[in-house]
PDB file of all heavy atoms in Angstrom:
ATOM      1  N   GLN A   1     -79.524  55.479 139.507  1.00  0.00           N
ATOM      2  CA  GLN A   1     -79.458  54.325 140.393  1.00  0.00           C
ATOM      3  C   GLN A   1     -79.927  53.056 139.664  1.00  0.00           C
ATOM      4  O   GLN A   1     -79.319  51.991 139.798  1.00  0.00           O
ATOM      5  CB  GLN A   1     -80.322  54.580 141.631  1.00  0.00           C
ATOM      6  CG  GLN A   1     -80.287  53.452 142.661  1.00  0.00           C
ATOM      7  CD  GLN A   1     -81.183  53.757 143.856  1.00  0.00           C
ATOM      8  OE1 GLN A   1     -81.693  54.868 143.995  1.00  0.00           O
ATOM      9  NE2 GLN A   1     -81.353  52.772 144.718  1.00  0.00           N
ATOM     10  N   ARG A   2     -81.005  53.179 138.908  1.00  0.00           N
ATOM     11  CA  ARG A   2     -81.524  52.030 138.147  1.00  0.00           C
ATOM     12  C   ARG A   2     -80.506  51.575 137.095  1.00  0.00           C
ATOM     13  O   ARG A   2     -80.294  50.368 136.903  1.00  0.00           O
ATOM     14  CB  ARG A   2     -82.821  52.415 137.451  1.00  0.00           C
ATOM     15  CG  ARG A   2     -83.950  52.786 138.403  1.00  0.00           C
ATOM     16  CD  ARG A   2     -84.756  51.585 138.797  1.00  0.00           C
ATOM     17  NE  ARG A   2     -85.905  51.960 139.599  1.00  0.00           N
ATOM     18  CZ  ARG A   2     -86.894  51.126 139.909  1.00  0.00           C
ATOM     19  NH1 ARG A   2     -86.849  49.876 139.494  1.00  0.00           N
ATOM     20  NH2 ARG A   2     -87.900  51.532 140.649  1.00  0.00           N
ATOM     21  N   LEU A   3     -79.898  52.520 136.415  1.00  0.00           N
ATOM     22  CA  LEU A   3     -78.902  52.177 135.409  1.00  0.00           C
ATOM     23  C   LEU A   3     -77.694  51.488 136.032  1.00  0.00           C
ATOM     24  O   LEU A   3     -77.149  50.524 135.476  1.00  0.00           O
ATOM     25  CB  LEU A   3     -78.454  53.433 134.647  1.00  0.00           C
ATOM     26  CG  LEU A   3     -79.493  54.054 133.711  1.00  0.00           C
ATOM     27  CD1 LEU A   3     -79.007  55.390 133.179  1.00  0.00           C
ATOM     28  CD2 LEU A   3     -79.787  53.114 132.540  1.00  0.00           C
ATOM     29  N   ARG A   4     -77.269  51.989 137.194  1.00  0.00           N
ATOM     30  CA  ARG A   4     -76.118  51.396 137.873  1.00  0.00           C
ATOM     31  C   ARG A   4     -76.427  49.963 138.310  1.00  0.00           C
ATOM     32  O   ARG A   4     -75.619  49.049 138.127  1.00  0.00           O
ATOM     33  CB  ARG A   4     -75.748  52.257 139.082  1.00  0.00           C
ATOM     34  CG  ARG A   4     -74.383  51.906 139.691  1.00  0.00           C
ATOM     35  CD  ARG A   4     -74.064  52.814 140.879  1.00  0.00           C
ATOM     36  NE  ARG A   4     -74.207  54.232 140.555  1.00  0.00           N
ATOM     37  CZ  ARG A   4     -75.170  55.014 141.046  1.00  0.00           C
ATOM     38  NH1 ARG A   4     -76.060  54.512 141.894  1.00  0.00           N
ATOM     39  NH2 ARG A   4     -75.248  56.292 140.706  1.00  0.00           N
ATOM     40  N   ALA A   5     -77.612  49.751 138.854  1.00  0.00           N
ATOM     41  CA  ALA A   5     -78.001  48.405 139.292  1.00  0.00           C
ATOM     42  C   ALA A   5     -78.091  47.445 138.111  1.00  0.00           C
ATOM     43  O   ALA A   5     -77.717  46.267 138.208  1.00  0.00           O
ATOM     44  CB  ALA A   5     -79.339  48.476 140.020  1.00  0.00           C
ATOM     45  N   PHE A   6     -78.571  47.962 136.970  1.00  0.00           N
ATOM     46  CA  PHE A   6     -78.684  47.136 135.768  1.00  0.00           C
ATOM     47  C   PHE A   6     -77.312  46.654 135.300  1.00  0.00           C
ATOM     48  O   PHE A   6     -77.124  45.488 134.959  1.00  0.00           O
ATOM     49  CB  PHE A   6     -79.383  47.938 134.665  1.00  0.00           C
ATOM     50  CG  PHE A   6     -79.397  47.246 133.333  1.00  0.00           C
ATOM     51  CD1 PHE A   6     -80.289  46.208 133.086  1.00  0.00           C
ATOM     52  CD2 PHE A   6     -78.526  47.633 132.326  1.00  0.00           C
ATOM     53  CE1 PHE A   6     -80.298  45.568 131.867  1.00  0.00           C
ATOM     54  CE2 PHE A   6     -78.540  46.998 131.099  1.00  0.00           C
ATOM     55  CZ  PHE A   6     -79.424  45.966 130.876  1.00  0.00           C
ATOM     56  N   ARG A   7     -76.331  47.561 135.293  1.00  0.00           N
ATOM     57  CA  ARG A   7     -74.995  47.198 134.830  1.00  0.00           C
ATOM     58  C   ARG A   7     -74.302  46.217 135.774  1.00  0.00           C
ATOM     59  O   ARG A   7     -73.411  45.475 135.357  1.00  0.00           O
ATOM     60  CB  ARG A   7     -74.140  48.455 134.668  1.00  0.00           C
ATOM     61  CG  ARG A   7     -74.580  49.333 133.504  1.00  0.00           C
ATOM     62  CD  ARG A   7     -73.534  50.399 133.196  1.00  0.00           C
ATOM     63  NE  ARG A   7     -73.887  51.147 132.009  1.00  0.00           N
ATOM     64  CZ  ARG A   7     -74.584  52.275 132.018  1.00  0.00           C
ATOM     65  NH1 ARG A   7     -75.002  52.769 133.185  1.00  0.00           N
ATOM     66  NH2 ARG A   7     -74.888  52.903 130.903  1.00  0.00           N
ATOM     67  N   GLU A   8     -74.682  46.232 137.022  1.00  0.00           N
ATOM     68  CA  GLU A   8     -74.035  45.344 137.988  1.00  0.00           C
ATOM     69  C   GLU A   8     -74.613  43.938 137.961  1.00  0.00           C
ATOM     70  O   GLU A   8     -74.047  43.021 138.545  1.00  0.00           O
ATOM     71  CB  GLU A   8     -74.182  45.936 139.401  1.00  0.00           C
ATOM     72  CG  GLU A   8     -73.347  47.203 139.598  1.00  0.00           C
ATOM     73  CD  GLU A   8     -73.634  47.886 140.932  1.00  0.00           C
ATOM     74  OE1 GLU A   8     -74.560  47.411 141.653  1.00  0.00           O
ATOM     75  OE2 GLU A   8     -72.968  48.882 141.239  1.00  0.00           O
ATOM     76  N   ARG A   9     -75.759  43.760 137.273  1.00  0.00           N
ATOM     77  CA  ARG A   9     -76.342  42.429 137.172  1.00  0.00           C
ATOM     78  C   ARG A   9     -75.534  41.572 136.196  1.00  0.00           C
ATOM     79  O   ARG A   9     -74.826  42.066 135.330  1.00  0.00           O
ATOM     80  CB  ARG A   9     -77.790  42.520 136.671  1.00  0.00           C
ATOM     81  CG  ARG A   9     -78.750  42.959 137.762  1.00  0.00           C
ATOM     82  CD  ARG A   9     -80.180  42.795 137.300  1.00  0.00           C
ATOM     83  NE  ARG A   9     -80.545  43.838 136.332  1.00  0.00           N
ATOM     84  CZ  ARG A   9     -81.740  43.934 135.773  1.00  0.00           C
ATOM     85  NH1 ARG A   9     -82.658  43.036 136.041  1.00  0.00           N
ATOM     86  NH2 ARG A   9     -82.001  44.902 134.930  1.00  0.00           N
ATOM     87  N   GLY A  10     -75.665  40.235 136.285  1.00  0.00           N
ATOM     88  CA  GLY A  10     -74.983  39.344 135.356  1.00  0.00           C
ATOM     89  C   GLY A  10     -75.549  39.479 133.957  1.00  0.00           C
ATOM     90  O   GLY A  10     -76.691  39.898 133.762  1.00  0.00           O
ATOM     91  N   GLN A  11     -74.745  39.049 132.970  1.00  0.00           N
ATOM     92  CA  GLN A  11     -75.153  39.219 131.571  1.00  0.00           C
ATOM     93  C   GLN A  11     -76.431  38.440 131.247  1.00  0.00           C
ATOM     94  O   GLN A  11     -77.238  38.871 130.429  1.00  0.00           O
ATOM     95  CB  GLN A  11     -74.023  38.766 130.638  1.00  0.00           C
ATOM     96  CG  GLN A  11     -74.354  39.010 129.169  1.00  0.00           C
ATOM     97  CD  GLN A  11     -73.195  38.673 128.261  1.00  0.00           C
ATOM     98  OE1 GLN A  11     -72.096  38.453 128.743  1.00  0.00           O
ATOM     99  NE2 GLN A  11     -73.441  38.641 126.975  1.00  0.00           N
ATOM    100  N   HIS A  12     -76.623  37.282 131.913  1.00  0.00           N
ATOM    101  CA  HIS A  12     -77.815  36.488 131.618  1.00  0.00           C
ATOM    102  C   HIS A  12     -79.088  37.216 131.998  1.00  0.00           C
ATOM    103  O   HIS A  12     -80.161  36.930 131.493  1.00  0.00           O
ATOM    104  CB  HIS A  12     -77.737  35.146 132.365  1.00  0.00           C
ATOM    105  CG  HIS A  12     -77.835  35.282 133.856  1.00  0.00           C
ATOM    106  ND1 HIS A  12     -76.766  35.693 134.638  1.00  0.00           N
ATOM    107  CD2 HIS A  12     -78.878  35.071 134.711  1.00  0.00           C
ATOM    108  CE1 HIS A  12     -77.154  35.718 135.910  1.00  0.00           C
ATOM    109  NE2 HIS A  12     -78.419  35.348 135.982  1.00  0.00           N
ATOM    110  N   ARG A  13     -78.972  38.194 132.912  1.00  0.00           N
ATOM    111  CA  ARG A  13     -80.139  38.982 133.292  1.00  0.00           C
ATOM    112  C   ARG A  13     -80.371  40.144 132.319  1.00  0.00           C
ATOM    113  O   ARG A  13     -81.428  40.758 132.321  1.00  0.00           O
ATOM    114  CB  ARG A  13     -79.944  39.534 134.715  1.00  0.00           C
ATOM    115  CG  ARG A  13     -79.799  38.467 135.797  1.00  0.00           C
ATOM    116  CD  ARG A  13     -81.156  37.921 136.203  1.00  0.00           C
ATOM    117  NE  ARG A  13     -82.039  38.961 136.692  1.00  0.00           N
ATOM    118  CZ  ARG A  13     -82.022  39.438 137.938  1.00  0.00           C
ATOM    119  NH1 ARG A  13     -81.122  38.987 138.807  1.00  0.00           N
ATOM    120  NH2 ARG A  13     -82.884  40.352 138.304  1.00  0.00           N
ATOM    121  N   TRP A  14     -79.363  40.472 131.544  1.00  0.00           N
ATOM    122  CA  TRP A  14     -79.483  41.573 130.577  1.00  0.00           C
ATOM    123  C   TRP A  14     -80.346  41.173 129.386  1.00  0.00           C
ATOM    124  O   TRP A  14     -81.127  41.946 128.859  1.00  0.00           O
ATOM    125  CB  TRP A  14     -78.104  41.962 130.042  1.00  0.00           C
ATOM    126  CG  TRP A  14     -77.233  42.704 130.985  1.00  0.00           C
ATOM    127  CD1 TRP A  14     -77.355  42.803 132.340  1.00  0.00           C
ATOM    128  CD2 TRP A  14     -76.082  43.465 130.634  1.00  0.00           C
ATOM    129  NE1 TRP A  14     -76.356  43.560 132.868  1.00  0.00           N
ATOM    130  CE2 TRP A  14     -75.544  43.995 131.837  1.00  0.00           C
ATOM    131  CE3 TRP A  14     -75.430  43.758 129.447  1.00  0.00           C
ATOM    132  CZ2 TRP A  14     -74.421  44.792 131.867  1.00  0.00           C
ATOM    133  CZ3 TRP A  14     -74.305  44.536 129.459  1.00  0.00           C
ATOM    134  CH2 TRP A  14     -73.795  45.061 130.665  1.00  0.00           C
ATOM    135  N   GLU A  15     -80.120  39.954 128.885  1.00  0.00           N
ATOM    136  CA  GLU A  15     -80.666  39.557 127.596  1.00  0.00           C
ATOM    137  C   GLU A  15     -82.187  39.348 127.657  1.00  0.00           C
ATOM    138  O   GLU A  15     -82.740  38.978 128.682  1.00  0.00           O
ATOM    139  CB  GLU A  15     -80.004  38.254 127.141  1.00  0.00           C
ATOM    140  CG  GLU A  15     -78.517  38.380 126.904  1.00  0.00           C
ATOM    141  CD  GLU A  15     -77.870  37.040 126.630  1.00  0.00           C
ATOM    142  OE1 GLU A  15     -78.380  36.011 127.115  1.00  0.00           O
ATOM    143  OE2 GLU A  15     -76.845  37.030 125.928  1.00  0.00           O
ATOM    144  N   THR A  16     -82.806  39.590 126.501  1.00  0.00           N
ATOM    145  CA  THR A  16     -84.223  39.278 126.336  1.00  0.00           C
ATOM    146  C   THR A  16     -84.301  37.984 125.547  1.00  0.00           C
ATOM    147  O   THR A  16     -83.723  37.866 124.462  1.00  0.00           O
ATOM    148  CB  THR A  16     -84.941  40.407 125.575  1.00  0.00           C
ATOM    149  OG1 THR A  16     -84.743  41.636 126.276  1.00  0.00           O
ATOM    150  CG2 THR A  16     -86.431  40.124 125.487  1.00  0.00           C
ATOM    151  N   ASP A  17     -85.019  37.012 126.079  1.00  0.00           N
ATOM    152  CA  ASP A  17     -84.996  35.646 125.541  1.00  0.00           C
ATOM    153  C   ASP A  17     -86.190  35.411 124.607  1.00  0.00           C
ATOM    154  O   ASP A  17     -87.330  35.275 125.049  1.00  0.00           O
ATOM    155  CB  ASP A  17     -85.020  34.651 126.698  1.00  0.00           C
ATOM    156  CG  ASP A  17     -84.837  33.213 126.228  1.00  0.00           C
ATOM    157  OD1 ASP A  17     -84.790  33.001 125.009  1.00  0.00           O
ATOM    158  OD2 ASP A  17     -84.750  32.320 127.086  1.00  0.00           O
ATOM    159  N   TYR A  18     -85.899  35.357 123.295  1.00  0.00           N
ATOM    160  CA  TYR A  18     -86.906  35.008 122.301  1.00  0.00           C
ATOM    161  C   TYR A  18     -86.532  33.690 121.628  1.00  0.00           C
ATOM    162  O   TYR A  18     -86.764  33.494 120.436  1.00  0.00           O
ATOM    163  CB  TYR A  18     -87.021  36.111 121.245  1.00  0.00           C
ATOM    164  CG  TYR A  18     -87.644  37.383 121.761  1.00  0.00           C
ATOM    165  CD1 TYR A  18     -86.895  38.563 121.841  1.00  0.00           C
ATOM    166  CD2 TYR A  18     -88.965  37.426 122.167  1.00  0.00           C
ATOM    167  CE1 TYR A  18     -87.456  39.741 122.308  1.00  0.00           C
ATOM    168  CE2 TYR A  18     -89.542  38.599 122.636  1.00  0.00           C
ATOM    169  CZ  TYR A  18     -88.779  39.745 122.705  1.00  0.00           C
ATOM    170  OH  TYR A  18     -89.348  40.911 123.173  1.00  0.00           O
ATOM    171  N   SER A  19     -85.949  32.781 122.396  1.00  0.00           N
ATOM    172  CA  SER A  19     -85.424  31.546 121.832  1.00  0.00           C
ATOM    173  C   SER A  19     -86.508  30.582 121.357  1.00  0.00           C
ATOM    174  O   SER A  19     -86.208  29.608 120.668  1.00  0.00           O
ATOM    175  CB  SER A  19     -84.521  30.839 122.854  1.00  0.00           C
ATOM    176  OG  SER A  19     -85.245  30.554 124.041  1.00  0.00           O
ATOM    177  N   ARG A  20     -87.769  30.813 121.715  1.00  0.00           N
ATOM    178  CA  ARG A  20     -88.841  29.914 121.292  1.00  0.00           C
ATOM    179  C   ARG A  20     -89.669  30.489 120.141  1.00  0.00           C
ATOM    180  O   ARG A  20     -90.798  30.055 119.894  1.00  0.00           O
ATOM    181  CB  ARG A  20     -89.743  29.576 122.481  1.00  0.00           C
ATOM    182  CG  ARG A  20     -89.031  28.708 123.503  1.00  0.00           C
ATOM    183  CD  ARG A  20     -89.927  28.218 124.592  1.00  0.00           C
ATOM    184  NE  ARG A  20     -89.211  27.344 125.517  1.00  0.00           N
ATOM    185  CZ  ARG A  20     -89.723  26.840 126.626  1.00  0.00           C
ATOM    186  NH1 ARG A  20     -90.976  27.129 126.955  1.00  0.00           N
ATOM    187  NH2 ARG A  20     -89.006  26.065 127.406  1.00  0.00           N
ATOM    188  N   LEU A  21     -89.091  31.422 119.439  1.00  0.00           N
ATOM    189  CA  LEU A  21     -89.775  31.977 118.271  1.00  0.00           C
ATOM    190  C   LEU A  21     -89.711  31.012 117.094  1.00  0.00           C
ATOM    191  O   LEU A  21     -88.742  30.267 116.916  1.00  0.00           O
ATOM    192  CB  LEU A  21     -89.119  33.296 117.838  1.00  0.00           C
ATOM    193  CG  LEU A  21     -89.505  34.579 118.557  1.00  0.00           C
ATOM    194  CD1 LEU A  21     -88.724  35.744 117.961  1.00  0.00           C
ATOM    195  CD2 LEU A  21     -90.997  34.844 118.455  1.00  0.00           C
ATOM    196  N   LEU A  22     -90.753  31.061 116.280  1.00  0.00           N
ATOM    197  CA  LEU A  22     -90.728  30.477 114.947  1.00  0.00           C
ATOM    198  C   LEU A  22     -90.509  31.635 113.987  1.00  0.00           C
ATOM    199  O   LEU A  22     -91.341  32.542 113.912  1.00  0.00           O
ATOM    200  CB  LEU A  22     -92.048  29.757 114.649  1.00  0.00           C
ATOM    201  CG  LEU A  22     -92.258  29.289 113.197  1.00  0.00           C
ATOM    202  CD1 LEU A  22     -91.185  28.298 112.778  1.00  0.00           C
ATOM    203  CD2 LEU A  22     -93.657  28.674 113.043  1.00  0.00           C
ATOM    204  N   VAL A  23     -89.393  31.625 113.277  1.00  0.00           N
ATOM    205  CA  VAL A  23     -89.021  32.736 112.406  1.00  0.00           C
ATOM    206  C   VAL A  23     -89.131  32.299 110.948  1.00  0.00           C
ATOM    207  O   VAL A  23     -88.470  31.342 110.528  1.00  0.00           O
ATOM    208  CB  VAL A  23     -87.584  33.227 112.688  1.00  0.00           C
ATOM    209  CG1 VAL A  23     -87.244  34.412 111.786  1.00  0.00           C
ATOM    210  CG2 VAL A  23     -87.436  33.604 114.158  1.00  0.00           C
ATOM    211  N   PHE A  24     -89.973  32.991 110.188  1.00  0.00           N
ATOM    212  CA  PHE A  24     -90.058  32.783 108.746  1.00  0.00           C
ATOM    213  C   PHE A  24     -89.291  33.894 108.040  1.00  0.00           C
ATOM    214  O   PHE A  24     -89.593  35.081 108.229  1.00  0.00           O
ATOM    215  CB  PHE A  24     -91.514  32.783 108.277  1.00  0.00           C
ATOM    216  CG  PHE A  24     -92.264  31.531 108.612  1.00  0.00           C
ATOM    217  CD1 PHE A  24     -93.144  31.497 109.684  1.00  0.00           C
ATOM    218  CD2 PHE A  24     -92.100  30.385 107.852  1.00  0.00           C
ATOM    219  CE1 PHE A  24     -93.840  30.351 109.997  1.00  0.00           C
ATOM    220  CE2 PHE A  24     -92.796  29.225 108.156  1.00  0.00           C
ATOM    221  CZ  PHE A  24     -93.666  29.207 109.234  1.00  0.00           C
ATOM    222  N   VAL A  25     -88.312  33.511 107.257  1.00  0.00           N
ATOM    223  CA  VAL A  25     -87.564  34.456 106.428  1.00  0.00           C
ATOM    224  C   VAL A  25     -88.088  34.305 105.005  1.00  0.00           C
ATOM    225  O   VAL A  25     -87.967  33.231 104.403  1.00  0.00           O
ATOM    226  CB  VAL A  25     -86.053  34.178 106.481  1.00  0.00           C
ATOM    227  CG1 VAL A  25     -85.297  35.104 105.540  1.00  0.00           C
ATOM    228  CG2 VAL A  25     -85.541  34.334 107.911  1.00  0.00           C
ATOM    229  N   CYS A  26     -88.689  35.363 104.454  1.00  0.00           N
ATOM    230  CA  CYS A  26     -89.327  35.288 103.130  1.00  0.00           C
ATOM    231  C   CYS A  26     -88.664  36.266 102.177  1.00  0.00           C
ATOM    232  O   CYS A  26     -88.299  37.382 102.576  1.00  0.00           O
ATOM    233  CB  CYS A  26     -90.819  35.601 103.214  1.00  0.00           C
ATOM    234  SG  CYS A  26     -91.737  34.569 104.387  1.00  0.00           S
ATOM    235  N   GLY A  27     -88.528  35.878 100.925  1.00  0.00           N
ATOM    236  CA  GLY A  27     -87.939  36.807  99.972  1.00  0.00           C
ATOM    237  C   GLY A  27     -87.922  36.273  98.555  1.00  0.00           C
ATOM    238  O   GLY A  27     -88.237  35.109  98.284  1.00  0.00           O
ATOM    239  N   ASN A  28     -87.555  37.167  97.652  1.00  0.00           N
ATOM    240  CA  ASN A  28     -87.392  36.838  96.231  1.00  0.00           C
ATOM    241  C   ASN A  28     -85.904  36.964  95.906  1.00  0.00           C
ATOM    242  O   ASN A  28     -85.340  38.046  96.052  1.00  0.00           O
ATOM    243  CB  ASN A  28     -88.170  37.802  95.331  1.00  0.00           C
ATOM    244  CG  ASN A  28     -89.594  38.008  95.817  1.00  0.00           C
ATOM    245  OD1 ASN A  28     -90.220  37.092  96.302  1.00  0.00           O
ATOM    246  ND2 ASN A  28     -90.088  39.229  95.685  1.00  0.00           N
ATOM    247  N   LEU A  29     -85.290  35.886  95.472  1.00  0.00           N
ATOM    248  CA  LEU A  29     -83.871  35.919  95.139  1.00  0.00           C
ATOM    249  C   LEU A  29     -83.704  35.853  93.626  1.00  0.00           C
ATOM    250  O   LEU A  29     -83.711  34.777  93.026  1.00  0.00           O
ATOM    251  CB  LEU A  29     -83.139  34.752  95.809  1.00  0.00           C
ATOM    252  CG  LEU A  29     -82.918  34.861  97.319  1.00  0.00           C
ATOM    253  CD1 LEU A  29     -82.294  33.587  97.857  1.00  0.00           C
ATOM    254  CD2 LEU A  29     -82.050  36.064  97.659  1.00  0.00           C
ATOM    255  N   ASP A  30     -83.579  37.031  92.994  1.00  0.00           N
ATOM    256  CA  ASP A  30     -83.432  37.071  91.540  1.00  0.00           C
ATOM    257  C   ASP A  30     -82.190  36.317  91.094  1.00  0.00           C
ATOM    258  O   ASP A  30     -82.159  35.736  90.004  1.00  0.00           O
ATOM    259  CB  ASP A  30     -83.351  38.522  91.061  1.00  0.00           C
ATOM    260  CG  ASP A  30     -84.661  39.262  91.261  1.00  0.00           C
ATOM    261  OD1 ASP A  30     -85.643  38.614  91.668  1.00  0.00           O
ATOM    262  OD2 ASP A  30     -84.697  40.480  91.028  1.00  0.00           O
ATOM    263  N   GLU A  31     -81.128  36.341  91.932  1.00  0.00           N
ATOM    264  CA  GLU A  31     -79.887  35.674  91.553  1.00  0.00           C
ATOM    265  C   GLU A  31     -80.091  34.173  91.385  1.00  0.00           C
ATOM    266  O   GLU A  31     -79.441  33.534  90.557  1.00  0.00           O
ATOM    267  CB  GLU A  31     -78.797  35.922  92.604  1.00  0.00           C
ATOM    268  CG  GLU A  31     -78.353  37.364  92.721  1.00  0.00           C
ATOM    269  CD  GLU A  31     -79.183  38.161  93.717  1.00  0.00           C
ATOM    270  OE1 GLU A  31     -80.271  37.677  94.106  1.00  0.00           O
ATOM    271  OE2 GLU A  31     -78.771  39.257  94.100  1.00  0.00           O
ATOM    272  N   ALA A  32     -80.986  33.588  92.187  1.00  0.00           N
ATOM    273  CA  ALA A  32     -81.235  32.143  92.097  1.00  0.00           C
ATOM    274  C   ALA A  32     -82.092  31.802  90.891  1.00  0.00           C
ATOM    275  O   ALA A  32     -81.919  30.758  90.267  1.00  0.00           O
ATOM    276  CB  ALA A  32     -81.909  31.645  93.372  1.00  0.00           C
ATOM    277  N   PHE A  33     -83.040  32.686  90.560  1.00  0.00           N
ATOM    278  CA  PHE A  33     -83.960  32.405  89.473  1.00  0.00           C
ATOM    279  C   PHE A  33     -83.473  32.967  88.136  1.00  0.00           C
ATOM    280  O   PHE A  33     -84.203  33.007  87.167  1.00  0.00           O
ATOM    281  CB  PHE A  33     -85.349  32.969  89.811  1.00  0.00           C
ATOM    282  CG  PHE A  33     -86.013  32.236  90.939  1.00  0.00           C
ATOM    283  CD1 PHE A  33     -85.851  32.644  92.245  1.00  0.00           C
ATOM    284  CD2 PHE A  33     -86.776  31.115  90.684  1.00  0.00           C
ATOM    285  CE1 PHE A  33     -86.457  31.961  93.290  1.00  0.00           C
ATOM    286  CE2 PHE A  33     -87.391  30.421  91.716  1.00  0.00           C
ATOM    287  CZ  PHE A  33     -87.226  30.844  93.027  1.00  0.00           C
ATOM    288  N   VAL A  34     -82.225  33.418  88.116  1.00  0.00           N
ATOM    289  CA  VAL A  34     -81.536  33.900  86.919  1.00  0.00           C
ATOM    290  C   VAL A  34     -82.425  34.888  86.173  1.00  0.00           C
ATOM    291  O   VAL A  34     -82.878  35.849  86.735  1.00  0.00           O
ATOM    292  CB  VAL A  34     -81.103  32.716  86.010  1.00  0.00           C
ATOM    293  CG1 VAL A  34     -80.041  33.167  85.015  1.00  0.00           C
ATOM    294  CG2 VAL A  34     -80.526  31.578  86.853  1.00  0.00           C
ATOM    295  N   ASP A  35     -82.723  34.617  84.891  1.00  0.00           N
ATOM    296  CA  ASP A  35     -83.479  35.577  84.081  1.00  0.00           C
ATOM    297  C   ASP A  35     -84.983  35.474  84.299  1.00  0.00           C
ATOM    298  O   ASP A  35     -85.737  36.352  83.875  1.00  0.00           O
ATOM    299  CB  ASP A  35     -83.189  35.365  82.588  1.00  0.00           C
ATOM    300  CG  ASP A  35     -81.738  35.620  82.251  1.00  0.00           C
ATOM    301  OD1 ASP A  35     -81.130  36.469  82.927  1.00  0.00           O
ATOM    302  OD2 ASP A  35     -81.215  34.978  81.330  1.00  0.00           O
ATOM    303  N   LEU A  36     -85.443  34.413  84.975  1.00  0.00           N
ATOM    304  CA  LEU A  36     -86.887  34.201  85.107  1.00  0.00           C
ATOM    305  C   LEU A  36     -87.546  35.295  85.929  1.00  0.00           C
ATOM    306  O   LEU A  36     -88.647  35.744  85.626  1.00  0.00           O
ATOM    307  CB  LEU A  36     -87.150  32.839  85.746  1.00  0.00           C
ATOM    308  CG  LEU A  36     -86.671  31.616  84.958  1.00  0.00           C
ATOM    309  CD1 LEU A  36     -86.982  30.345  85.726  1.00  0.00           C
ATOM    310  CD2 LEU A  36     -87.314  31.575  83.589  1.00  0.00           C
ATOM    311  N   ALA A  37     -86.864  35.741  87.011  1.00  0.00           N
ATOM    312  CA  ALA A  37     -87.473  36.710  87.920  1.00  0.00           C
ATOM    313  C   ALA A  37     -87.699  38.059  87.261  1.00  0.00           C
ATOM    314  O   ALA A  37     -88.572  38.818  87.667  1.00  0.00           O
ATOM    315  CB  ALA A  37     -86.601  36.881  89.167  1.00  0.00           C
TER     316      ALA A  37
END
């Protein structure tokens, strides 16, 4: 019953809203630093 009710709701009620996150993407890109890395 819970699953059926969930599917009948509008899509905006489905989504989880994390739109106010601050996202840091961190990494080492050897391709950018050529032979140095």
